[in-house]
Amino acid sequence: MKLFRLLEKPACVVQGLLPQRFLTAMVYRLMRIRAPWFKNFQIHMIAKLVGVDWSEAASQNPRDYEHFNAFFTRALREDARSFPQGNKILCSPCDGRVSELGPIEEDRVYQAKGKSYSLQALLAADPQASEWQGGHFATIYLSPRDYHRIHMPMAGRLRKMIYVPGKLFSVAPYTVRNVDELFAINERVICIFDTAVGPLAVILVGAMLVAGMETVWAGEITPRADRELEVTEYGDDGPCFELGQEMGRFNMGSTVVLLLPANAVSGAFRHAPGDSIQLGNALADLQI
């Protein structure tokens, strides 16, 4: 264990030197090969390697998926997940593991022991960033075995979407511990919703080998040829989403960051860092 910890920082340095976008582009193509013999073998072997729970999948036969990415972003059985009734609970938007959660201390969001990052940097200096100062955050890491669709943690209307270009470091626990301001330097898609407790930010953070991020309203956002900051304002005409409705997906494992304004969360979070969590599990009570 100590040896692995000693190797973490050198591994992060190596990641910084790798052609991150080239490798990610190769994975994008590899995940979409349709040759039946190849994609069926690929699905079977990788599912076994990472420990995918086939019993939860809507379709449990590799032949039913047109390529590996279709399997990776597979739908679940309708009874596989559930959401609590009412609108006073903040729910997990995905399956995964709680990386960190808690209060936003002025402009700082906690990343790992001895590390935090700027709220302004995370939100690409968006004028709305101050609305989350003094609020709360939750960071959830999705591993390759997890369900990779992202759902609404509460009801809301889409107000704004921001694409932020950036690095593609892995977001595995060892990089979170060692790369400064990781979530504020990696490529990300920021989705801002108007909700009953104020503005909610659902941030999809890209990573090395994450060969695409999508939303249900804009389709595939990454990969993209142009790497310029892009802000899309929806105003009062943005689509409305109910609690639990699908809003996006990752095409490989990554991380979701939730931001809530001050006075939105009532009491303590119901989970702690390191907890495994499923889509629809209660994260916190909302002050409505």
Protein backbone atom coordinates (compact mmCIF):
# COMPACT_ATOMS: atom_id res chain seq x y z
CA MET A 1 0.00 0.00 0.00
CA LYS A 2 2.80 2.41 0.92
CA LEU A 3 4.58 1.60 -2.34
CA PHE A 4 1.48 2.47 -4.35
CA ARG A 5 1.13 5.77 -2.47
CA LEU A 6 4.77 6.59 -3.26
CA LEU A 7 4.10 6.01 -6.95
CA GLU A 8 1.01 8.26 -7.08
CA LYS A 9 2.79 11.57 -7.66
CA PRO A 10 5.14 10.20 -10.37
CA ALA A 11 2.09 8.65 -12.07
CA CYS A 12 0.37 12.05 -12.11
CA VAL A 13 3.49 13.66 -13.60
CA VAL A 14 3.51 11.02 -16.35
CA GLN A 15 -0.18 11.70 -17.03
CA GLY A 16 0.63 15.36 -17.56
CA LEU A 17 3.21 14.42 -20.20
CA LEU A 18 1.00 12.00 -22.11
CA PRO A 19 -0.89 13.04 -25.28
CA GLN A 20 -4.18 13.07 -23.37
CA ARG A 21 -6.42 14.11 -26.25
CA PHE A 22 -4.86 11.71 -28.73
CA LEU A 23 -5.33 8.76 -26.36
CA THR A 24 -8.89 9.84 -25.62
CA ALA A 25 -9.66 10.13 -29.35
CA MET A 26 -8.35 6.60 -29.88
CA VAL A 27 -10.59 5.28 -27.11
CA TYR A 28 -13.54 7.10 -28.69
CA ARG A 29 -13.01 5.17 -31.94
CA LEU A 30 -12.30 1.87 -30.21
CA MET A 31 -15.53 2.08 -28.21
CA ARG A 32 -17.59 2.45 -31.39
CA ILE A 33 -16.31 -0.50 -33.43
CA ARG A 34 -19.39 -2.39 -34.63
CA ALA A 35 -17.83 -5.67 -35.82
CA PRO A 36 -19.89 -8.24 -33.86
CA TRP A 37 -17.01 -10.55 -32.99
CA PHE A 38 -14.92 -7.65 -31.67
CA LYS A 39 -17.53 -5.68 -29.74
CA ASN A 40 -19.08 -8.80 -28.16
CA PHE A 41 -15.66 -9.95 -26.94
CA GLN A 42 -14.85 -6.41 -25.79
CA ILE A 43 -18.09 -6.11 -23.81
CA HIS A 44 -17.76 -9.56 -22.23
CA MET A 45 -14.12 -9.16 -21.17
CA ILE A 46 -14.27 -5.59 -19.85
CA ALA A 47 -17.55 -6.19 -18.02
CA LYS A 48 -15.95 -9.17 -16.30
CA LEU A 49 -12.73 -7.26 -15.57
CA VAL A 50 -14.41 -4.27 -13.87
CA GLY A 51 -17.23 -6.25 -12.24
CA VAL A 52 -20.36 -4.97 -14.00
CA ASP A 53 -23.62 -6.18 -12.41
CA TRP A 54 -25.44 -7.56 -15.46
CA SER A 55 -28.62 -8.27 -13.48
CA GLU A 56 -29.42 -4.54 -13.34
CA ALA A 57 -29.15 -3.95 -17.08
CA ALA A 58 -32.27 -3.60 -19.22
CA SER A 59 -30.56 -5.86 -21.76
CA GLN A 60 -28.21 -8.56 -20.49
CA ASN A 61 -26.94 -9.90 -23.81
CA PRO A 62 -23.79 -8.35 -25.37
CA ARG A 63 -25.27 -8.99 -28.82
CA ASP A 64 -28.03 -6.44 -28.13
CA TYR A 65 -25.53 -3.55 -28.04
CA GLU A 66 -24.33 -2.04 -31.33
CA HIS A 67 -20.89 -1.26 -29.87
CA PHE A 68 -19.08 -1.08 -26.55
CA ASN A 69 -20.14 2.51 -25.89
CA ALA A 70 -23.81 1.51 -26.17
CA PHE A 71 -23.13 -1.08 -23.47
CA PHE A 72 -21.18 1.37 -21.35
CA THR A 73 -24.08 3.84 -21.36
CA ARG A 74 -26.64 1.04 -21.00
CA ALA A 75 -30.09 1.59 -19.57
CA LEU A 76 -31.09 -0.09 -16.31
CA ARG A 77 -34.21 -2.11 -15.61
CA GLU A 78 -37.10 0.15 -14.62
CA ASP A 79 -37.16 -1.31 -11.10
CA ALA A 80 -33.37 -1.12 -10.58
CA ARG A 81 -33.42 2.36 -8.99
CA SER A 82 -36.01 4.46 -7.17
CA PHE A 83 -36.39 8.04 -5.96
CA PRO A 84 -38.08 9.29 -2.78
CA GLN A 85 -41.44 11.02 -3.02
CA GLY A 86 -41.75 14.79 -2.68
CA ASN A 87 -39.42 17.69 -3.40
CA LYS A 88 -37.60 18.11 -0.08
CA ILE A 89 -34.73 15.68 -0.71
CA LEU A 90 -31.54 16.17 -2.70
CA CYS A 91 -30.89 12.83 -4.41
CA SER A 92 -27.77 11.34 -5.90
CA PRO A 93 -27.69 12.06 -9.65
CA CYS A 94 -25.73 8.88 -10.41
CA ASP A 95 -24.16 5.68 -9.17
CA GLY A 96 -20.67 5.99 -7.76
CA ARG A 97 -18.64 6.74 -4.67
CA VAL A 98 -18.81 9.93 -2.63
CA SER A 99 -15.47 11.66 -3.07
CA GLU A 100 -16.16 14.68 -0.87
CA LEU A 101 -19.12 16.79 0.28
CA GLY A 102 -19.77 19.62 2.67
CA PRO A 103 -19.90 23.41 2.91
CA ILE A 104 -18.33 25.77 0.40
CA GLU A 105 -15.99 27.93 2.47
CA GLU A 106 -16.24 31.35 0.84
CA ASP A 107 -14.67 30.68 -2.60
CA ARG A 108 -13.06 27.32 -1.80
CA VAL A 109 -14.37 23.82 -2.51
CA TYR A 110 -12.70 20.92 -0.68
CA GLN A 111 -11.01 18.38 -2.98
CA ALA A 112 -8.95 16.10 -0.72
CA LYS A 113 -6.74 16.31 2.36
CA GLY A 114 -4.67 19.49 2.03
CA LYS A 115 -6.27 20.45 -1.30
CA SER A 116 -9.13 22.69 -2.36
CA TYR A 117 -10.01 24.59 -5.50
CA SER A 118 -11.53 27.92 -6.38
CA LEU A 119 -15.27 28.15 -7.01
CA GLN A 120 -14.57 30.93 -9.52
CA ALA A 121 -12.09 28.72 -11.38
CA LEU A 122 -14.46 25.73 -11.36
CA LEU A 123 -17.19 27.88 -12.94
CA ALA A 124 -14.81 29.57 -15.40
CA ALA A 125 -15.32 32.97 -13.72
CA ASP A 126 -19.03 32.94 -14.56
CA PRO A 127 -20.80 36.00 -13.10
CA GLN A 128 -23.22 33.68 -11.28
CA ALA A 129 -20.43 32.00 -9.29
CA SER A 130 -20.98 34.15 -6.19
CA GLU A 131 -24.46 32.62 -5.78
CA TRP A 132 -22.89 29.42 -4.44
CA GLN A 133 -20.52 31.06 -1.95
CA GLY A 134 -21.40 29.81 1.52
CA GLY A 135 -23.45 26.98 -0.01
CA HIS A 136 -22.80 23.25 -0.21
CA PHE A 137 -21.19 20.84 -2.67
CA ALA A 138 -21.10 17.10 -3.32
CA THR A 139 -18.56 15.30 -5.51
CA ILE A 140 -19.33 11.79 -6.80
CA TYR A 141 -16.83 9.62 -8.68
CA LEU A 142 -18.11 7.12 -11.25
CA SER A 143 -15.88 4.09 -11.80
CA PRO A 144 -15.94 2.03 -15.03
CA ARG A 145 -18.30 -0.53 -13.46
CA ASP A 146 -20.98 2.04 -12.62
CA TYR A 147 -24.15 3.07 -14.45
CA HIS A 148 -23.08 6.07 -16.53
CA ARG A 149 -26.23 8.09 -17.08
CA ILE A 150 -26.74 11.25 -15.04
CA HIS A 151 -30.19 12.13 -13.70
CA MET A 152 -31.69 15.19 -12.03
CA PRO A 153 -31.04 15.29 -8.26
CA MET A 154 -34.12 17.52 -7.92
CA ALA A 155 -36.61 19.21 -10.23
CA GLY A 156 -35.44 22.27 -12.14
CA ARG A 157 -35.46 24.37 -15.30
CA LEU A 158 -32.26 24.60 -17.37
CA ARG A 159 -30.97 28.17 -17.30
CA LYS A 160 -27.46 27.94 -18.73
CA MET A 161 -24.86 25.50 -20.04
CA ILE A 162 -21.13 26.25 -20.10
CA TYR A 163 -18.52 24.18 -21.92
CA VAL A 164 -15.08 24.74 -20.37
CA PRO A 165 -12.03 23.37 -22.22
CA GLY A 166 -9.25 21.96 -20.10
CA LYS A 167 -6.89 19.13 -19.26
CA LEU A 168 -7.85 15.46 -19.25
CA PHE A 169 -6.22 14.10 -16.12
CA SER A 170 -7.75 10.94 -14.69
CA VAL A 171 -10.21 11.66 -11.87
CA ALA A 172 -9.42 8.42 -10.02
CA PRO A 173 -8.84 8.83 -6.26
CA TYR A 174 -5.04 8.94 -6.58
CA THR A 175 -5.14 11.95 -8.94
CA VAL A 176 -7.69 13.70 -6.73
CA ARG A 177 -5.18 13.39 -3.89
CA ASN A 178 -2.24 14.68 -5.91
CA VAL A 179 -3.27 17.08 -8.72
CA ASP A 180 -3.92 20.63 -7.54
CA GLU A 181 -7.36 22.08 -8.43
CA LEU A 182 -8.10 18.98 -10.51
CA PHE A 183 -11.79 19.64 -11.13
CA ALA A 184 -11.10 23.28 -11.99
CA ILE A 185 -8.49 22.47 -14.65
CA ASN A 186 -10.07 19.45 -16.37
CA GLU A 187 -12.49 19.81 -19.27
CA ARG A 188 -16.07 20.08 -18.01
CA VAL A 189 -19.69 20.84 -18.85
CA ILE A 190 -21.53 23.06 -16.35
CA CYS A 191 -25.34 22.83 -16.31
CA ILE A 192 -27.16 25.45 -14.24
CA PHE A 193 -30.79 24.97 -13.25
CA ASP A 194 -33.37 27.15 -11.52
CA THR A 195 -34.88 25.14 -8.65
CA ALA A 196 -37.09 25.58 -5.60
CA VAL A 197 -33.98 26.26 -3.46
CA GLY A 198 -32.23 28.56 -5.94
CA PRO A 199 -29.56 27.86 -8.56
CA LEU A 200 -28.31 24.28 -8.81
CA ALA A 201 -25.13 23.47 -10.74
CA VAL A 202 -24.60 19.94 -12.07
CA ILE A 203 -21.04 19.75 -13.39
CA LEU A 204 -19.84 16.88 -15.57
CA VAL A 205 -16.05 16.66 -15.30
CA GLY A 206 -14.17 15.04 -18.17
CA ALA A 207 -11.07 12.90 -17.76
CA MET A 208 -8.44 10.97 -19.68
CA LEU A 209 -10.11 8.28 -21.81
CA VAL A 210 -13.56 9.80 -21.14
CA ALA A 211 -14.43 9.76 -24.81
CA GLY A 212 -17.47 11.98 -24.69
CA MET A 213 -19.94 13.87 -22.50
CA GLU A 214 -23.56 14.31 -23.57
CA THR A 215 -26.71 16.08 -22.43
CA VAL A 216 -30.23 15.15 -23.48
CA TRP A 217 -30.90 18.66 -24.84
CA ALA A 218 -27.64 19.30 -26.74
CA GLY A 219 -26.46 15.80 -27.63
CA GLU A 220 -22.74 15.02 -27.71
CA ILE A 221 -20.73 17.97 -26.41
CA THR A 222 -17.30 16.36 -26.29
CA PRO A 223 -15.10 15.42 -28.05
CA ARG A 224 -15.00 18.59 -30.14
CA ALA A 225 -12.57 20.16 -32.57
CA ASP A 226 -12.86 23.68 -31.17
CA ARG A 227 -11.66 24.07 -27.60
CA GLU A 228 -13.08 27.48 -26.79
CA LEU A 229 -15.20 28.43 -23.79
CA GLU A 230 -18.84 28.34 -24.87
CA VAL A 231 -21.80 29.70 -22.89
CA THR A 232 -25.36 28.86 -23.94
CA GLU A 233 -28.12 30.87 -22.25
CA TYR A 234 -31.60 29.34 -22.16
CA GLY A 235 -33.32 31.86 -19.92
CA ASP A 236 -37.00 31.21 -19.22
CA ASP A 237 -37.26 29.02 -22.33
CA GLY A 238 -35.00 26.27 -21.00
CA PRO A 239 -36.39 22.73 -20.73
CA CYS A 240 -37.88 21.63 -17.41
CA PHE A 241 -36.80 18.40 -15.74
CA GLU A 242 -38.43 16.38 -12.99
CA LEU A 243 -36.58 14.68 -10.15
CA GLY A 244 -34.91 11.56 -11.53
CA GLN A 245 -35.22 12.47 -15.20
CA GLU A 246 -32.12 11.71 -17.30
CA MET A 247 -30.12 14.83 -18.16
CA GLY A 248 -26.80 13.53 -19.49
CA ARG A 249 -24.24 10.75 -19.63
CA PHE A 250 -20.54 9.96 -19.62
CA ASN A 251 -19.03 7.70 -22.24
CA MET A 252 -16.45 6.50 -19.72
CA GLY A 253 -16.12 6.87 -15.94
CA SER A 254 -15.72 10.35 -14.52
CA THR A 255 -17.02 12.72 -11.83
CA VAL A 256 -20.11 14.81 -11.10
CA VAL A 257 -19.95 17.90 -8.88
CA LEU A 258 -23.16 19.38 -7.43
CA LEU A 259 -23.32 22.96 -6.13
CA LEU A 260 -26.17 24.30 -4.01
CA PRO A 261 -26.63 27.86 -2.72
CA ALA A 262 -26.50 28.95 0.92
CA ASN A 263 -29.44 27.84 3.08
CA ALA A 264 -30.53 25.17 0.57
CA VAL A 265 -29.38 22.18 2.66
CA SER A 266 -31.09 21.48 5.97
CA GLY A 267 -28.85 19.77 8.51
CA ALA A 268 -26.02 17.39 7.68
CA PHE A 269 -25.50 15.30 4.57
CA ARG A 270 -26.76 11.73 4.85
CA HIS A 271 -23.56 10.26 3.40
CA ALA A 272 -19.85 10.63 4.07
CA PRO A 273 -16.74 10.59 1.86
CA GLY A 274 -15.94 7.05 0.74
CA ASP A 275 -19.55 5.85 0.79
CA SER A 276 -20.83 3.89 -2.18
CA ILE A 277 -24.01 5.48 -3.49
CA GLN A 278 -26.67 4.70 -6.05
CA LEU A 279 -28.79 6.86 -8.28
CA GLY A 280 -31.77 8.16 -6.28
CA ASN A 281 -30.24 7.70 -2.81
CA ALA A 282 -30.94 10.65 -0.51
CA LEU A 283 -27.92 12.95 -0.17
CA ALA A 284 -29.45 15.65 2.04
CA ASP A 285 -32.69 17.27 3.17
CA LEU A 286 -33.59 20.49 1.38
CA GLN A 287 -34.79 23.60 3.15
CA ILE A 288 -38.02 24.28 1.27
